[in-house]
PDB file of all heavy atoms in Angstrom:
ATOM      1  N   VAL A   1     -15.358  16.857 -15.095  1.00  0.00           N
ATOM      2  CA  VAL A   1     -16.266  15.723 -15.287  1.00  0.00           C
ATOM      3  C   VAL A   1     -16.070  14.759 -14.113  1.00  0.00           C
ATOM      4  O   VAL A   1     -14.949  14.370 -13.803  1.00  0.00           O
ATOM      5  CB  VAL A   1     -15.992  15.007 -16.621  1.00  0.00           C
ATOM      6  CG1 VAL A   1     -16.903  13.801 -16.775  1.00  0.00           C
ATOM      7  CG2 VAL A   1     -16.174  15.965 -17.788  1.00  0.00           C
ATOM      8  N   SER A   2     -17.185  14.406 -13.468  1.00  0.00           N
ATOM      9  CA  SER A   2     -17.115  13.509 -12.313  1.00  0.00           C
ATOM     10  C   SER A   2     -17.200  12.060 -12.776  1.00  0.00           C
ATOM     11  O   SER A   2     -18.152  11.675 -13.470  1.00  0.00           O
ATOM     12  CB  SER A   2     -18.263  13.822 -11.340  1.00  0.00           C
ATOM     13  OG  SER A   2     -18.225  12.939 -10.231  1.00  0.00           O
ATOM     14  N   VAL A   3     -16.221  11.246 -12.384  1.00  0.00           N
ATOM     15  CA  VAL A   3     -16.175   9.834 -12.754  1.00  0.00           C
ATOM     16  C   VAL A   3     -15.817   9.015 -11.523  1.00  0.00           C
ATOM     17  O   VAL A   3     -15.315   9.533 -10.522  1.00  0.00           O
ATOM     18  CB  VAL A   3     -15.153   9.574 -13.873  1.00  0.00           C
ATOM     19  CG1 VAL A   3     -15.539  10.288 -15.143  1.00  0.00           C
ATOM     20  CG2 VAL A   3     -13.749  10.008 -13.442  1.00  0.00           C
ATOM     21  N   GLN A   4     -16.117   7.733 -11.611  1.00  0.00           N
ATOM     22  CA  GLN A   4     -15.725   6.775 -10.581  1.00  0.00           C
ATOM     23  C   GLN A   4     -14.701   5.815 -11.159  1.00  0.00           C
ATOM     24  O   GLN A   4     -14.959   5.177 -12.195  1.00  0.00           O
ATOM     25  CB  GLN A   4     -16.933   5.998 -10.057  1.00  0.00           C
ATOM     26  CG  GLN A   4     -17.706   6.725  -8.966  1.00  0.00           C
ATOM     27  CD  GLN A   4     -18.643   5.817  -8.228  1.00  0.00           C
ATOM     28  OE1 GLN A   4     -18.952   4.718  -8.679  1.00  0.00           O
ATOM     29  NE2 GLN A   4     -19.098   6.241  -7.060  1.00  0.00           N
ATOM     30  N   VAL A   5     -13.562   5.717 -10.493  1.00  0.00           N
ATOM     31  CA  VAL A   5     -12.448   4.925 -10.998  1.00  0.00           C
ATOM     32  C   VAL A   5     -12.048   3.915  -9.937  1.00  0.00           C
ATOM     33  O   VAL A   5     -11.883   4.265  -8.762  1.00  0.00           O
ATOM     34  CB  VAL A   5     -11.245   5.822 -11.363  1.00  0.00           C
ATOM     35  CG1 VAL A   5     -10.116   4.972 -11.940  1.00  0.00           C
ATOM     36  CG2 VAL A   5     -11.655   6.909 -12.341  1.00  0.00           C
ATOM     37  N   ASN A   6     -11.906   2.664 -10.334  1.00  0.00           N
ATOM     38  CA  ASN A   6     -11.331   1.652  -9.449  1.00  0.00           C
ATOM     39  C   ASN A   6     -10.150   0.997 -10.144  1.00  0.00           C
ATOM     40  O   ASN A   6     -10.084   0.942 -11.371  1.00  0.00           O
ATOM     41  CB  ASN A   6     -12.371   0.622  -9.022  1.00  0.00           C
ATOM     42  CG  ASN A   6     -12.939  -0.129 -10.213  1.00  0.00           C
ATOM     43  OD1 ASN A   6     -12.871   0.343 -11.338  1.00  0.00           O
ATOM     44  ND2 ASN A   6     -13.498  -1.294  -9.971  1.00  0.00           N
ATOM     45  N   ALA A   7      -9.228   0.502  -9.342  1.00  0.00           N
ATOM     46  CA  ALA A   7      -7.986  -0.041  -9.884  1.00  0.00           C
ATOM     47  C   ALA A   7      -7.506  -1.174  -8.987  1.00  0.00           C
ATOM     48  O   ALA A   7      -8.091  -1.462  -7.933  1.00  0.00           O
ATOM     49  CB  ALA A   7      -6.920   1.048  -9.995  1.00  0.00           C
ATOM     50  N   VAL A   8      -6.431  -1.812  -9.415  1.00  0.00           N
ATOM     51  CA  VAL A   8      -5.805  -2.882  -8.636  1.00  0.00           C
ATOM     52  C   VAL A   8      -4.301  -2.635  -8.627  1.00  0.00           C
ATOM     53  O   VAL A   8      -3.729  -2.213  -9.640  1.00  0.00           O
ATOM     54  CB  VAL A   8      -6.146  -4.266  -9.227  1.00  0.00           C
ATOM     55  CG1 VAL A   8      -5.676  -4.385 -10.661  1.00  0.00           C
ATOM     56  CG2 VAL A   8      -5.541  -5.373  -8.384  1.00  0.00           C
ATOM     57  N   VAL A   9      -3.684  -2.846  -7.476  1.00  0.00           N
ATOM     58  CA  VAL A   9      -2.252  -2.605  -7.274  1.00  0.00           C
ATOM     59  C   VAL A   9      -1.579  -3.927  -6.896  1.00  0.00           C
ATOM     60  O   VAL A   9      -2.083  -4.663  -6.035  1.00  0.00           O
ATOM     61  CB  VAL A   9      -2.010  -1.556  -6.172  1.00  0.00           C
ATOM     62  CG1 VAL A   9      -0.506  -1.351  -5.956  1.00  0.00           C
ATOM     63  CG2 VAL A   9      -2.665  -0.233  -6.545  1.00  0.00           C
ATOM     64  N   TYR A  10      -0.459  -4.211  -7.540  1.00  0.00           N
ATOM     65  CA  TYR A  10       0.341  -5.396  -7.244  1.00  0.00           C
ATOM     66  C   TYR A  10       1.661  -4.943  -6.623  1.00  0.00           C
ATOM     67  O   TYR A  10       2.390  -4.141  -7.232  1.00  0.00           O
ATOM     68  CB  TYR A  10       0.616  -6.211  -8.501  1.00  0.00           C
ATOM     69  CG  TYR A  10      -0.628  -6.703  -9.210  1.00  0.00           C
ATOM     70  CD1 TYR A  10      -1.236  -5.948 -10.199  1.00  0.00           C
ATOM     71  CD2 TYR A  10      -1.189  -7.930  -8.878  1.00  0.00           C
ATOM     72  CE1 TYR A  10      -2.379  -6.402 -10.841  1.00  0.00           C
ATOM     73  CE2 TYR A  10      -2.326  -8.396  -9.522  1.00  0.00           C
ATOM     74  CZ  TYR A  10      -2.915  -7.615 -10.503  1.00  0.00           C
ATOM     75  OH  TYR A  10      -4.041  -8.062 -11.137  1.00  0.00           O
ATOM     76  N   PHE A  11       1.962  -5.446  -5.424  1.00  0.00           N
ATOM     77  CA  PHE A  11       3.208  -5.071  -4.764  1.00  0.00           C
ATOM     78  C   PHE A  11       3.694  -6.231  -3.921  1.00  0.00           C
ATOM     79  O   PHE A  11       2.953  -7.190  -3.650  1.00  0.00           O
ATOM     80  CB  PHE A  11       3.015  -3.822  -3.900  1.00  0.00           C
ATOM     81  CG  PHE A  11       2.167  -4.048  -2.668  1.00  0.00           C
ATOM     82  CD1 PHE A  11       2.756  -4.379  -1.448  1.00  0.00           C
ATOM     83  CD2 PHE A  11       0.794  -3.935  -2.734  1.00  0.00           C
ATOM     84  CE1 PHE A  11       1.980  -4.590  -0.324  1.00  0.00           C
ATOM     85  CE2 PHE A  11       0.003  -4.150  -1.617  1.00  0.00           C
ATOM     86  CZ  PHE A  11       0.600  -4.478  -0.416  1.00  0.00           C
ATOM     87  N   ARG A  12       4.953  -6.139  -3.514  1.00  0.00           N
ATOM     88  CA  ARG A  12       5.553  -7.162  -2.660  1.00  0.00           C
ATOM     89  C   ARG A  12       6.545  -6.514  -1.710  1.00  0.00           C
ATOM     90  O   ARG A  12       7.086  -5.443  -1.993  1.00  0.00           O
ATOM     91  CB  ARG A  12       6.247  -8.240  -3.498  1.00  0.00           C
ATOM     92  CG  ARG A  12       7.352  -7.732  -4.369  1.00  0.00           C
ATOM     93  CD  ARG A  12       7.877  -8.839  -5.281  1.00  0.00           C
ATOM     94  NE  ARG A  12       8.465  -9.914  -4.521  1.00  0.00           N
ATOM     95  CZ  ARG A  12       9.761  -9.999  -4.254  1.00  0.00           C
ATOM     96  NH1 ARG A  12      10.598  -9.073  -4.701  1.00  0.00           N
ATOM     97  NH2 ARG A  12      10.240 -11.000  -3.561  1.00  0.00           N
ATOM     98  N   VAL A  13       6.768  -7.186  -0.596  1.00  0.00           N
ATOM     99  CA  VAL A  13       7.740  -6.716   0.396  1.00  0.00           C
ATOM    100  C   VAL A  13       9.126  -7.200  -0.012  1.00  0.00           C
ATOM    101  O   VAL A  13       9.340  -8.399  -0.209  1.00  0.00           O
ATOM    102  CB  VAL A  13       7.371  -7.225   1.797  1.00  0.00           C
ATOM    103  CG1 VAL A  13       8.431  -6.770   2.811  1.00  0.00           C
ATOM    104  CG2 VAL A  13       6.000  -6.719   2.211  1.00  0.00           C
ATOM    105  N   VAL A  14      10.058  -6.273  -0.160  1.00  0.00           N
ATOM    106  CA  VAL A  14      11.425  -6.631  -0.523  1.00  0.00           C
ATOM    107  C   VAL A  14      12.387  -6.479   0.656  1.00  0.00           C
ATOM    108  O   VAL A  14      13.452  -7.108   0.665  1.00  0.00           O
ATOM    109  CB  VAL A  14      11.906  -5.775  -1.705  1.00  0.00           C
ATOM    110  CG1 VAL A  14      11.127  -6.124  -2.966  1.00  0.00           C
ATOM    111  CG2 VAL A  14      11.796  -4.295  -1.413  1.00  0.00           C
ATOM    112  N   GLU A  15      12.019  -5.682   1.646  1.00  0.00           N
ATOM    113  CA  GLU A  15      12.837  -5.499   2.851  1.00  0.00           C
ATOM    114  C   GLU A  15      11.930  -5.668   4.060  1.00  0.00           C
ATOM    115  O   GLU A  15      11.269  -4.690   4.478  1.00  0.00           O
ATOM    116  CB  GLU A  15      13.525  -4.148   2.870  1.00  0.00           C
ATOM    117  CG  GLU A  15      14.506  -3.948   1.714  1.00  0.00           C
ATOM    118  CD  GLU A  15      15.229  -2.621   1.814  1.00  0.00           C
ATOM    119  OE1 GLU A  15      15.612  -2.249   2.952  1.00  0.00           O
ATOM    120  OE2 GLU A  15      15.411  -1.962   0.775  1.00  0.00           O
ATOM    121  N   PRO A  16      11.847  -6.871   4.639  1.00  0.00           N
ATOM    122  CA  PRO A  16      10.911  -7.110   5.741  1.00  0.00           C
ATOM    123  C   PRO A  16      11.159  -6.210   6.953  1.00  0.00           C
ATOM    124  O   PRO A  16      10.203  -5.814   7.642  1.00  0.00           O
ATOM    125  CB  PRO A  16      11.147  -8.580   6.083  1.00  0.00           C
ATOM    126  CG  PRO A  16      11.755  -9.176   4.852  1.00  0.00           C
ATOM    127  CD  PRO A  16      12.562  -8.086   4.245  1.00  0.00           C
ATOM    128  N   GLY A  17      12.424  -5.896   7.229  1.00  0.00           N
ATOM    129  CA  GLY A  17      12.720  -5.055   8.387  1.00  0.00           C
ATOM    130  C   GLY A  17      12.067  -3.687   8.270  1.00  0.00           C
ATOM    131  O   GLY A  17      11.436  -3.195   9.213  1.00  0.00           O
ATOM    132  N   LYS A  18      12.193  -3.050   7.123  1.00  0.00           N
ATOM    133  CA  LYS A  18      11.568  -1.734   6.921  1.00  0.00           C
ATOM    134  C   LYS A  18      10.038  -1.839   6.942  1.00  0.00           C
ATOM    135  O   LYS A  18       9.363  -0.941   7.451  1.00  0.00           O
ATOM    136  CB  LYS A  18      12.033  -1.137   5.598  1.00  0.00           C
ATOM    137  CG  LYS A  18      13.478  -0.674   5.591  1.00  0.00           C
ATOM    138  CD  LYS A  18      13.801  -0.004   4.276  1.00  0.00           C
ATOM    139  CE  LYS A  18      15.223   0.505   4.262  1.00  0.00           C
ATOM    140  NZ  LYS A  18      15.553   1.192   2.966  1.00  0.00           N
ATOM    141  N   ALA A  19       9.500  -2.906   6.373  1.00  0.00           N
ATOM    142  CA  ALA A  19       8.047  -3.042   6.320  1.00  0.00           C
ATOM    143  C   ALA A  19       7.423  -3.152   7.710  1.00  0.00           C
ATOM    144  O   ALA A  19       6.278  -2.754   7.906  1.00  0.00           O
ATOM    145  CB  ALA A  19       7.673  -4.267   5.487  1.00  0.00           C
ATOM    146  N   ILE A  20       8.184  -3.677   8.680  1.00  0.00           N
ATOM    147  CA  ILE A  20       7.663  -3.812  10.039  1.00  0.00           C
ATOM    148  C   ILE A  20       8.004  -2.592  10.886  1.00  0.00           C
ATOM    149  O   ILE A  20       7.200  -2.133  11.694  1.00  0.00           O
ATOM    150  CB  ILE A  20       8.209  -5.090  10.696  1.00  0.00           C
ATOM    151  CG1 ILE A  20       7.739  -6.336   9.917  1.00  0.00           C
ATOM    152  CG2 ILE A  20       7.770  -5.195  12.149  1.00  0.00           C
ATOM    153  CD1 ILE A  20       6.233  -6.485   9.859  1.00  0.00           C
ATOM    154  N   ILE A  21       9.198  -2.023  10.685  1.00  0.00           N
ATOM    155  CA  ILE A  21       9.670  -0.952  11.556  1.00  0.00           C
ATOM    156  C   ILE A  21       9.183   0.421  11.093  1.00  0.00           C
ATOM    157  O   ILE A  21       8.739   1.257  11.897  1.00  0.00           O
ATOM    158  CB  ILE A  21      11.209  -0.972  11.640  1.00  0.00           C
ATOM    159  CG1 ILE A  21      11.673  -2.285  12.262  1.00  0.00           C
ATOM    160  CG2 ILE A  21      11.727   0.205  12.460  1.00  0.00           C
ATOM    161  CD1 ILE A  21      13.176  -2.470  12.234  1.00  0.00           C
ATOM    162  N   GLN A  22       9.239   0.679   9.789  1.00  0.00           N
ATOM    163  CA  GLN A  22       8.974   2.032   9.297  1.00  0.00           C
ATOM    164  C   GLN A  22       7.484   2.385   9.240  1.00  0.00           C
ATOM    165  O   GLN A  22       7.138   3.565   9.236  1.00  0.00           O
ATOM    166  CB  GLN A  22       9.580   2.191   7.894  1.00  0.00           C
ATOM    167  CG  GLN A  22      11.079   2.001   7.848  1.00  0.00           C
ATOM    168  CD  GLN A  22      11.813   3.046   8.676  1.00  0.00           C
ATOM    169  OE1 GLN A  22      11.347   4.167   8.843  1.00  0.00           O
ATOM    170  NE2 GLN A  22      12.969   2.674   9.195  1.00  0.00           N
ATOM    171  N   VAL A  23       6.616   1.398   9.150  1.00  0.00           N
ATOM    172  CA  VAL A  23       5.184   1.674   9.040  1.00  0.00           C
ATOM    173  C   VAL A  23       4.434   0.689   9.928  1.00  0.00           C
ATOM    174  O   VAL A  23       4.876  -0.461  10.106  1.00  0.00           O
ATOM    175  CB  VAL A  23       4.720   1.568   7.570  1.00  0.00           C
ATOM    176  CG1 VAL A  23       4.963   0.171   7.025  1.00  0.00           C
ATOM    177  CG2 VAL A  23       3.265   1.976   7.415  1.00  0.00           C
ATOM    178  N   GLU A  24       3.319   1.142  10.504  1.00  0.00           N
ATOM    179  CA  GLU A  24       2.596   0.305  11.461  1.00  0.00           C
ATOM    180  C   GLU A  24       1.951  -0.891  10.783  1.00  0.00           C
ATOM    181  O   GLU A  24       2.184  -2.048  11.163  1.00  0.00           O
ATOM    182  CB  GLU A  24       1.526   1.137  12.179  1.00  0.00           C
ATOM    183  CG  GLU A  24       0.771   0.354  13.249  1.00  0.00           C
ATOM    184  CD  GLU A  24      -0.236   1.233  13.970  1.00  0.00           C
ATOM    185  OE1 GLU A  24      -0.345   2.422  13.626  1.00  0.00           O
ATOM    186  OE2 GLU A  24      -0.932   0.703  14.872  1.00  0.00           O
ATOM    187  N   ARG A  25       1.093  -0.641   9.776  1.00  0.00           N
ATOM    188  CA  ARG A  25       0.461  -1.724   9.014  1.00  0.00           C
ATOM    189  C   ARG A  25       0.661  -1.383   7.534  1.00  0.00           C
ATOM    190  O   ARG A  25      -0.064  -0.552   6.974  1.00  0.00           O
ATOM    191  CB  ARG A  25      -1.019  -1.834   9.368  1.00  0.00           C
ATOM    192  CG  ARG A  25      -1.282  -2.378  10.764  1.00  0.00           C
ATOM    193  CD  ARG A  25      -2.776  -2.596  10.984  1.00  0.00           C
ATOM    194  NE  ARG A  25      -3.481  -1.320  11.032  1.00  0.00           N
ATOM    195  CZ  ARG A  25      -3.668  -0.604  12.144  1.00  0.00           C
ATOM    196  NH1 ARG A  25      -3.189  -1.056  13.297  1.00  0.00           N
ATOM    197  NH2 ARG A  25      -4.322   0.533  12.103  1.00  0.00           N
ATOM    198  N   TYR A  26       1.615  -2.068   6.925  1.00  0.00           N
ATOM    199  CA  TYR A  26       1.993  -1.685   5.570  1.00  0.00           C
ATOM    200  C   TYR A  26       0.904  -1.972   4.546  1.00  0.00           C
ATOM    201  O   TYR A  26       0.802  -1.271   3.536  1.00  0.00           O
ATOM    202  CB  TYR A  26       3.313  -2.367   5.185  1.00  0.00           C
ATOM    203  CG  TYR A  26       3.266  -3.861   5.086  1.00  0.00           C
ATOM    204  CD1 TYR A  26       2.908  -4.503   3.904  1.00  0.00           C
ATOM    205  CD2 TYR A  26       3.599  -4.658   6.177  1.00  0.00           C
ATOM    206  CE1 TYR A  26       2.874  -5.878   3.806  1.00  0.00           C
ATOM    207  CE2 TYR A  26       3.570  -6.037   6.091  1.00  0.00           C
ATOM    208  CZ  TYR A  26       3.209  -6.652   4.913  1.00  0.00           C
ATOM    209  OH  TYR A  26       3.170  -8.018   4.819  1.00  0.00           O
ATOM    210  N   LEU A  27       0.053  -2.965   4.775  1.00  0.00           N
ATOM    211  CA  LEU A  27      -1.031  -3.231   3.842  1.00  0.00           C
ATOM    212  C   LEU A  27      -2.042  -2.081   3.818  1.00  0.00           C
ATOM    213  O   LEU A  27      -2.412  -1.582   2.753  1.00  0.00           O
ATOM    214  CB  LEU A  27      -1.743  -4.532   4.218  1.00  0.00           C
ATOM    215  CG  LEU A  27      -1.007  -5.836   3.894  1.00  0.00           C
ATOM    216  CD1 LEU A  27      -1.768  -7.033   4.469  1.00  0.00           C
ATOM    217  CD2 LEU A  27      -0.845  -5.995   2.392  1.00  0.00           C
ATOM    218  N   GLU A  28      -2.462  -1.661   4.987  1.00  0.00           N
ATOM    219  CA  GLU A  28      -3.411  -0.551   5.068  1.00  0.00           C
ATOM    220  C   GLU A  28      -2.782   0.746   4.585  1.00  0.00           C
ATOM    221  O   GLU A  28      -3.433   1.543   3.896  1.00  0.00           O
ATOM    222  CB  GLU A  28      -3.915  -0.397   6.502  1.00  0.00           C
ATOM    223  CG  GLU A  28      -4.955   0.702   6.658  1.00  0.00           C
ATOM    224  CD  GLU A  28      -5.436   0.821   8.096  1.00  0.00           C
ATOM    225  OE1 GLU A  28      -5.061  -0.023   8.936  1.00  0.00           O
ATOM    226  OE2 GLU A  28      -6.204   1.760   8.373  1.00  0.00           O
ATOM    227  N   ALA A  29      -1.521   0.965   4.935  1.00  0.00           N
ATOM    228  CA  ALA A  29      -0.852   2.194   4.515  1.00  0.00           C
ATOM    229  C   ALA A  29      -0.717   2.246   2.993  1.00  0.00           C
ATOM    230  O   ALA A  29      -0.954   3.301   2.356  1.00  0.00           O
ATOM    231  CB  ALA A  29       0.516   2.290   5.168  1.00  0.00           C
ATOM    232  N   THR A  30      -0.368   1.136   2.383  1.00  0.00           N
ATOM    233  CA  THR A  30      -0.242   1.108   0.921  1.00  0.00           C
ATOM    234  C   THR A  30      -1.586   1.302   0.253  1.00  0.00           C
ATOM    235  O   THR A  30      -1.699   1.987  -0.781  1.00  0.00           O
ATOM    236  CB  THR A  30       0.374  -0.227   0.475  1.00  0.00           C
ATOM    237  OG1 THR A  30       1.624  -0.422   1.153  1.00  0.00           O
ATOM    238  CG2 THR A  30       0.606  -0.247  -1.018  1.00  0.00           C
ATOM    239  N   SER A  31      -2.643   0.747   0.835  1.00  0.00           N
ATOM    240  CA  SER A  31      -3.979   0.918   0.264  1.00  0.00           C
ATOM    241  C   SER A  31      -4.414   2.375   0.300  1.00  0.00           C
ATOM    242  O   SER A  31      -4.914   2.917  -0.705  1.00  0.00           O
ATOM    243  CB  SER A  31      -4.975   0.052   1.033  1.00  0.00           C
ATOM    244  OG  SER A  31      -6.293   0.279   0.583  1.00  0.00           O
ATOM    245  N   GLN A  32      -4.234   3.023   1.432  1.00  0.00           N
ATOM    246  CA  GLN A  32      -4.631   4.438   1.532  1.00  0.00           C
ATOM    247  C   GLN A  32      -3.794   5.319   0.607  1.00  0.00           C
ATOM    248  O   GLN A  32      -4.313   6.245  -0.033  1.00  0.00           O
ATOM    249  CB  GLN A  32      -4.475   4.903   2.984  1.00  0.00           C
ATOM    250  CG  GLN A  32      -5.404   4.213   3.969  1.00  0.00           C
ATOM    251  CD  GLN A  32      -6.866   4.511   3.680  1.00  0.00           C
ATOM    252  OE1 GLN A  32      -7.230   5.597   3.248  1.00  0.00           O
ATOM    253  NE2 GLN A  32      -7.715   3.523   3.918  1.00  0.00           N
ATOM    254  N   LEU A  33      -2.512   5.031   0.526  1.00  0.00           N
ATOM    255  CA  LEU A  33      -1.645   5.810  -0.368  1.00  0.00           C
ATOM    256  C   LEU A  33      -2.028   5.599  -1.819  1.00  0.00           C
ATOM    257  O   LEU A  33      -2.007   6.550  -2.621  1.00  0.00           O
ATOM    258  CB  LEU A  33      -0.194   5.423  -0.132  1.00  0.00           C
ATOM    259  CG  LEU A  33       0.850   6.190  -0.945  1.00  0.00           C
ATOM    260  CD1 LEU A  33       0.786   7.686  -0.644  1.00  0.00           C
ATOM    261  CD2 LEU A  33       2.253   5.657  -0.669  1.00  0.00           C
TER     262      LEU A  33
END
């Protein structure tokens, strides 16, 4: 069955060093994931 689903995700950065070093743009990466 084909359906359209939308959702909302709540998240926060807990380790700023990893958020900047490990991924290029963490907002876009989290959205795509």
